[in-house]
Amino acid sequence: MNIKQIKEKVWGFIKNIPADKKKHLIAGFIVCAIVSMFFGYIIGFILALVAAAGKEAYDYFTKKGTPELADFIYSAVGAVCFLIVSALITLLFYAFVMRFI
């Protein structure tokens, strides 16, 4: 399997994710990113999970939305994606920049 085939499979997978789930994924990523900048990664991750659970609880109790476990999971995956991206950026920084200092 070459790079082009992998790219096509990834884009095909992303295109098949419903728009609502993409919004939850992005929200989890953003909440974790913003909170992590000020309070650290663990607090950022926990707060992203609390926000996701709170959103689903709000949907359940107010009946203004449809509470779904999948929505919570997509939000949690978004937070995990931020942690992975952040770790990779940090590792690349130390691998390439810090060795010259």
N, C-alpha and C. Protein backbone atom coordinates (compact mmCIF):
# COMPACT_ATOMS: atom_id res chain seq x y z
N MET A 1 0.86 -1.18 0.00
CA MET A 1 0.00 0.00 0.00
C MET A 1 0.90 1.24 0.00
N ASN A 2 0.64 2.13 -0.93
CA ASN A 2 1.47 3.33 -1.02
C ASN A 2 0.80 4.51 -0.31
N ILE A 3 1.49 5.64 -0.29
CA ILE A 3 1.01 6.82 0.43
C ILE A 3 -0.32 7.32 -0.14
N LYS A 4 -0.45 7.28 -1.45
CA LYS A 4 -1.68 7.77 -2.09
C LYS A 4 -2.88 6.92 -1.66
N GLN A 5 -2.73 5.62 -1.60
CA GLN A 5 -3.81 4.73 -1.19
C GLN A 5 -4.18 4.96 0.28
N ILE A 6 -3.17 5.16 1.11
CA ILE A 6 -3.44 5.43 2.53
C ILE A 6 -4.20 6.74 2.66
N LYS A 7 -3.76 7.77 1.94
CA LYS A 7 -4.44 9.07 1.97
C LYS A 7 -5.90 8.94 1.53
N GLU A 8 -6.16 8.18 0.48
CA GLU A 8 -7.53 7.98 0.00
C GLU A 8 -8.38 7.25 1.03
N LYS A 9 -7.81 6.27 1.69
CA LYS A 9 -8.57 5.54 2.72
C LYS A 9 -8.89 6.43 3.91
N VAL A 10 -7.92 7.25 4.33
CA VAL A 10 -8.15 8.15 5.47
C VAL A 10 -9.23 9.16 5.12
N TRP A 11 -9.14 9.78 3.93
CA TRP A 11 -10.15 10.78 3.52
C TRP A 11 -11.51 10.13 3.36
N GLY A 12 -11.55 8.90 2.85
CA GLY A 12 -12.82 8.17 2.74
C GLY A 12 -13.43 7.93 4.11
N PHE A 13 -12.59 7.57 5.07
CA PHE A 13 -13.08 7.35 6.44
C PHE A 13 -13.62 8.65 7.03
N ILE A 14 -12.89 9.75 6.85
CA ILE A 14 -13.31 11.03 7.40
C ILE A 14 -14.61 11.50 6.76
N LYS A 15 -14.75 11.31 5.46
CA LYS A 15 -15.96 11.72 4.77
C LYS A 15 -17.19 10.96 5.25
N ASN A 16 -17.00 9.73 5.72
CA ASN A 16 -18.13 8.91 6.18
C ASN A 16 -18.57 9.23 7.60
N ILE A 17 -17.83 10.04 8.32
CA ILE A 17 -18.23 10.44 9.67
C ILE A 17 -19.34 11.47 9.55
N PRO A 18 -20.48 11.26 10.23
CA PRO A 18 -21.57 12.25 10.16
C PRO A 18 -21.12 13.62 10.67
N ALA A 19 -21.73 14.67 10.14
CA ALA A 19 -21.35 16.05 10.47
C ALA A 19 -21.46 16.32 11.97
N ASP A 20 -22.50 15.80 12.60
CA ASP A 20 -22.68 16.01 14.05
C ASP A 20 -21.52 15.41 14.83
N LYS A 21 -21.07 14.25 14.43
CA LYS A 21 -19.95 13.59 15.14
C LYS A 21 -18.66 14.35 14.91
N LYS A 22 -18.48 14.93 13.71
CA LYS A 22 -17.28 15.74 13.45
C LYS A 22 -17.25 16.96 14.38
N LYS A 23 -18.43 17.55 14.62
CA LYS A 23 -18.49 18.70 15.52
C LYS A 23 -18.10 18.31 16.94
N HIS A 24 -18.53 17.13 17.39
CA HIS A 24 -18.15 16.66 18.72
C HIS A 24 -16.65 16.39 18.79
N LEU A 25 -16.09 15.82 17.74
CA LEU A 25 -14.65 15.55 17.69
C LEU A 25 -13.87 16.85 17.79
N ILE A 26 -14.27 17.86 17.02
CA ILE A 26 -13.59 19.15 17.03
C ILE A 26 -13.75 19.84 18.38
N ALA A 27 -14.95 19.77 18.95
CA ALA A 27 -15.19 20.40 20.26
C ALA A 27 -14.31 19.77 21.34
N GLY A 28 -14.20 18.46 21.34
CA GLY A 28 -13.34 17.79 22.32
C GLY A 28 -11.89 18.21 22.15
N PHE A 29 -11.44 18.32 20.90
CA PHE A 29 -10.08 18.75 20.60
C PHE A 29 -9.84 20.16 21.12
N ILE A 30 -10.76 21.07 20.81
CA ILE A 30 -10.59 22.48 21.17
C ILE A 30 -10.66 22.69 22.68
N VAL A 31 -11.61 22.05 23.34
CA VAL A 31 -11.73 22.21 24.80
C VAL A 31 -10.46 21.71 25.47
N CYS A 32 -9.99 20.54 25.06
CA CYS A 32 -8.77 19.99 25.65
C CYS A 32 -7.58 20.90 25.38
N ALA A 33 -7.50 21.45 24.18
CA ALA A 33 -6.37 22.32 23.82
C ALA A 33 -6.36 23.59 24.66
N ILE A 34 -7.49 24.25 24.75
CA ILE A 34 -7.54 25.53 25.47
C ILE A 34 -7.28 25.33 26.96
N VAL A 35 -7.93 24.36 27.56
CA VAL A 35 -7.74 24.14 29.00
C VAL A 35 -6.32 23.67 29.28
N SER A 36 -5.77 22.83 28.41
CA SER A 36 -4.41 22.32 28.61
C SER A 36 -3.37 23.43 28.59
N MET A 37 -3.61 24.47 27.80
CA MET A 37 -2.66 25.59 27.75
C MET A 37 -2.52 26.27 29.11
N PHE A 38 -3.58 26.31 29.87
CA PHE A 38 -3.57 27.02 31.14
C PHE A 38 -3.38 26.12 32.36
N PHE A 39 -3.88 24.89 32.31
CA PHE A 39 -3.89 24.04 33.50
C PHE A 39 -3.20 22.69 33.33
N GLY A 40 -2.69 22.38 32.17
CA GLY A 40 -1.99 21.12 31.96
C GLY A 40 -2.86 20.09 31.25
N TYR A 41 -2.20 19.07 30.76
CA TYR A 41 -2.86 18.08 29.93
C TYR A 41 -3.91 17.24 30.66
N ILE A 42 -3.61 16.85 31.86
CA ILE A 42 -4.55 15.99 32.60
C ILE A 42 -5.85 16.74 32.88
N ILE A 43 -5.72 17.96 33.37
CA ILE A 43 -6.91 18.78 33.65
C ILE A 43 -7.65 19.06 32.35
N GLY A 44 -6.94 19.34 31.28
CA GLY A 44 -7.56 19.59 29.98
C GLY A 44 -8.36 18.40 29.50
N PHE A 45 -7.79 17.21 29.63
CA PHE A 45 -8.49 16.00 29.21
C PHE A 45 -9.72 15.75 30.07
N ILE A 46 -9.55 15.87 31.38
CA ILE A 46 -10.68 15.65 32.29
C ILE A 46 -11.79 16.65 32.03
N LEU A 47 -11.44 17.91 31.84
CA LEU A 47 -12.46 18.93 31.59
C LEU A 47 -13.16 18.70 30.25
N ALA A 48 -12.45 18.21 29.25
CA ALA A 48 -13.09 17.89 27.98
C ALA A 48 -14.11 16.77 28.16
N LEU A 49 -13.77 15.78 28.98
CA LEU A 49 -14.71 14.69 29.25
C LEU A 49 -15.91 15.20 30.05
N VAL A 50 -15.67 16.06 31.02
CA VAL A 50 -16.76 16.63 31.81
C VAL A 50 -17.68 17.47 30.93
N ALA A 51 -17.10 18.26 30.03
CA ALA A 51 -17.90 19.08 29.12
C ALA A 51 -18.75 18.19 28.20
N ALA A 52 -18.16 17.12 27.70
CA ALA A 52 -18.89 16.21 26.82
C ALA A 52 -20.04 15.52 27.58
N ALA A 53 -19.75 15.07 28.79
CA ALA A 53 -20.80 14.44 29.60
C ALA A 53 -21.88 15.45 29.96
N GLY A 54 -21.46 16.67 30.27
CA GLY A 54 -22.41 17.72 30.60
C GLY A 54 -23.33 18.05 29.44
N LYS A 55 -22.77 18.07 28.24
CA LYS A 55 -23.58 18.34 27.05
C LYS A 55 -24.62 17.25 26.85
N GLU A 56 -24.23 16.02 27.03
CA GLU A 56 -25.18 14.91 26.86
C GLU A 56 -26.22 14.91 27.99
N ALA A 57 -25.81 15.26 29.19
CA ALA A 57 -26.77 15.36 30.30
C ALA A 57 -27.77 16.49 30.03
N TYR A 58 -27.27 17.60 29.50
CA TYR A 58 -28.14 18.72 29.15
C TYR A 58 -29.17 18.27 28.10
N ASP A 59 -28.72 17.56 27.10
CA ASP A 59 -29.63 17.06 26.07
C ASP A 59 -30.69 16.13 26.68
N TYR A 60 -30.26 15.30 27.62
CA TYR A 60 -31.17 14.34 28.23
C TYR A 60 -32.23 15.03 29.09
N PHE A 61 -31.80 15.93 29.95
CA PHE A 61 -32.73 16.54 30.90
C PHE A 61 -33.62 17.62 30.29
N THR A 62 -33.12 18.34 29.31
CA THR A 62 -33.92 19.41 28.71
C THR A 62 -34.73 18.93 27.52
N LYS A 63 -34.42 17.76 27.01
CA LYS A 63 -35.08 17.20 25.82
C LYS A 63 -34.91 18.11 24.60
N LYS A 64 -33.89 18.98 24.61
CA LYS A 64 -33.63 19.87 23.48
C LYS A 64 -32.69 19.23 22.46
N GLY A 65 -32.19 18.08 22.76
CA GLY A 65 -31.29 17.38 21.85
C GLY A 65 -31.44 15.89 22.07
N THR A 66 -30.65 15.13 21.35
CA THR A 66 -30.66 13.69 21.48
C THR A 66 -29.37 13.24 22.16
N PRO A 67 -29.46 12.80 23.41
CA PRO A 67 -28.24 12.33 24.07
C PRO A 67 -27.79 11.00 23.47
N GLU A 68 -26.53 10.93 23.11
CA GLU A 68 -25.98 9.72 22.52
C GLU A 68 -24.62 9.42 23.11
N LEU A 69 -24.38 8.16 23.38
CA LEU A 69 -23.08 7.73 23.86
C LEU A 69 -22.02 8.01 22.78
N ALA A 70 -22.39 7.85 21.52
CA ALA A 70 -21.45 8.09 20.42
C ALA A 70 -20.96 9.54 20.42
N ASP A 71 -21.84 10.48 20.75
CA ASP A 71 -21.42 11.89 20.82
C ASP A 71 -20.35 12.07 21.88
N PHE A 72 -20.57 11.47 23.04
CA PHE A 72 -19.58 11.55 24.12
C PHE A 72 -18.26 10.92 23.68
N ILE A 73 -18.33 9.78 23.03
CA ILE A 73 -17.12 9.08 22.60
C ILE A 73 -16.35 9.90 21.57
N TYR A 74 -17.06 10.51 20.62
CA TYR A 74 -16.38 11.34 19.63
C TYR A 74 -15.71 12.55 20.29
N SER A 75 -16.34 13.12 21.30
CA SER A 75 -15.72 14.23 22.02
C SER A 75 -14.46 13.76 22.75
N ALA A 76 -14.53 12.59 23.36
CA ALA A 76 -13.37 12.03 24.05
C ALA A 76 -12.24 11.72 23.07
N VAL A 77 -12.59 11.20 21.90
CA VAL A 77 -11.58 10.92 20.88
C VAL A 77 -10.92 12.21 20.41
N GLY A 78 -11.70 13.28 20.30
CA GLY A 78 -11.13 14.57 19.94
C GLY A 78 -10.10 15.04 20.96
N ALA A 79 -10.41 14.85 22.24
CA ALA A 79 -9.46 15.22 23.30
C ALA A 79 -8.20 14.37 23.22
N VAL A 80 -8.36 13.08 22.97
CA VAL A 80 -7.20 12.19 22.84
C VAL A 80 -6.37 12.60 21.61
N CYS A 81 -7.03 12.97 20.54
CA CYS A 81 -6.31 13.42 19.34
C CYS A 81 -5.45 14.64 19.66
N PHE A 82 -5.98 15.57 20.45
CA PHE A 82 -5.17 16.72 20.83
C PHE A 82 -3.94 16.27 21.61
N LEU A 83 -4.11 15.37 22.54
CA LEU A 83 -2.98 14.90 23.34
C LEU A 83 -1.92 14.26 22.46
N ILE A 84 -2.35 13.48 21.47
CA ILE A 84 -1.41 12.83 20.56
C ILE A 84 -0.69 13.87 19.70
N VAL A 85 -1.44 14.81 19.13
CA VAL A 85 -0.83 15.86 18.30
C VAL A 85 0.15 16.67 19.12
N SER A 86 -0.22 17.04 20.32
CA SER A 86 0.65 17.82 21.18
C SER A 86 1.92 17.06 21.53
N ALA A 87 1.78 15.78 21.83
CA ALA A 87 2.95 14.97 22.15
C ALA A 87 3.88 14.86 20.95
N LEU A 88 3.32 14.68 19.76
CA LEU A 88 4.14 14.58 18.56
C LEU A 88 4.88 15.89 18.27
N ILE A 89 4.18 17.00 18.43
CA ILE A 89 4.83 18.30 18.21
C ILE A 89 5.96 18.51 19.21
N THR A 90 5.72 18.15 20.46
CA THR A 90 6.75 18.28 21.49
C THR A 90 7.95 17.41 21.17
N LEU A 91 7.71 16.17 20.77
CA LEU A 91 8.81 15.27 20.42
C LEU A 91 9.60 15.79 19.23
N LEU A 92 8.90 16.28 18.22
CA LEU A 92 9.59 16.84 17.06
C LEU A 92 10.41 18.06 17.44
N PHE A 93 9.86 18.89 18.31
CA PHE A 93 10.59 20.07 18.77
C PHE A 93 11.89 19.66 19.45
N TYR A 94 11.80 18.71 20.37
CA TYR A 94 13.01 18.28 21.07
C TYR A 94 13.97 17.56 20.14
N ALA A 95 13.46 16.83 19.18
CA ALA A 95 14.32 16.08 18.27
C ALA A 95 15.08 17.00 17.32
N PHE A 96 14.44 18.06 16.84
CA PHE A 96 15.07 18.88 15.81
C PHE A 96 15.60 20.22 16.30
N VAL A 97 14.93 20.85 17.24
CA VAL A 97 15.34 22.19 17.67
C VAL A 97 16.30 22.12 18.85
N MET A 98 15.97 21.36 19.84
CA MET A 98 16.75 21.35 21.07
C MET A 98 18.15 20.77 20.87
N ARG A 99 18.36 19.99 19.85
CA ARG A 99 19.69 19.42 19.65
C ARG A 99 20.70 20.44 19.16
N PHE A 100 20.21 21.59 18.68
CA PHE A 100 21.10 22.64 18.21
C PHE A 100 21.38 23.69 19.29
N ILE A 101 20.71 23.57 20.41
CA ILE A 101 20.89 24.56 21.48
C ILE A 101 21.89 24.06 22.50
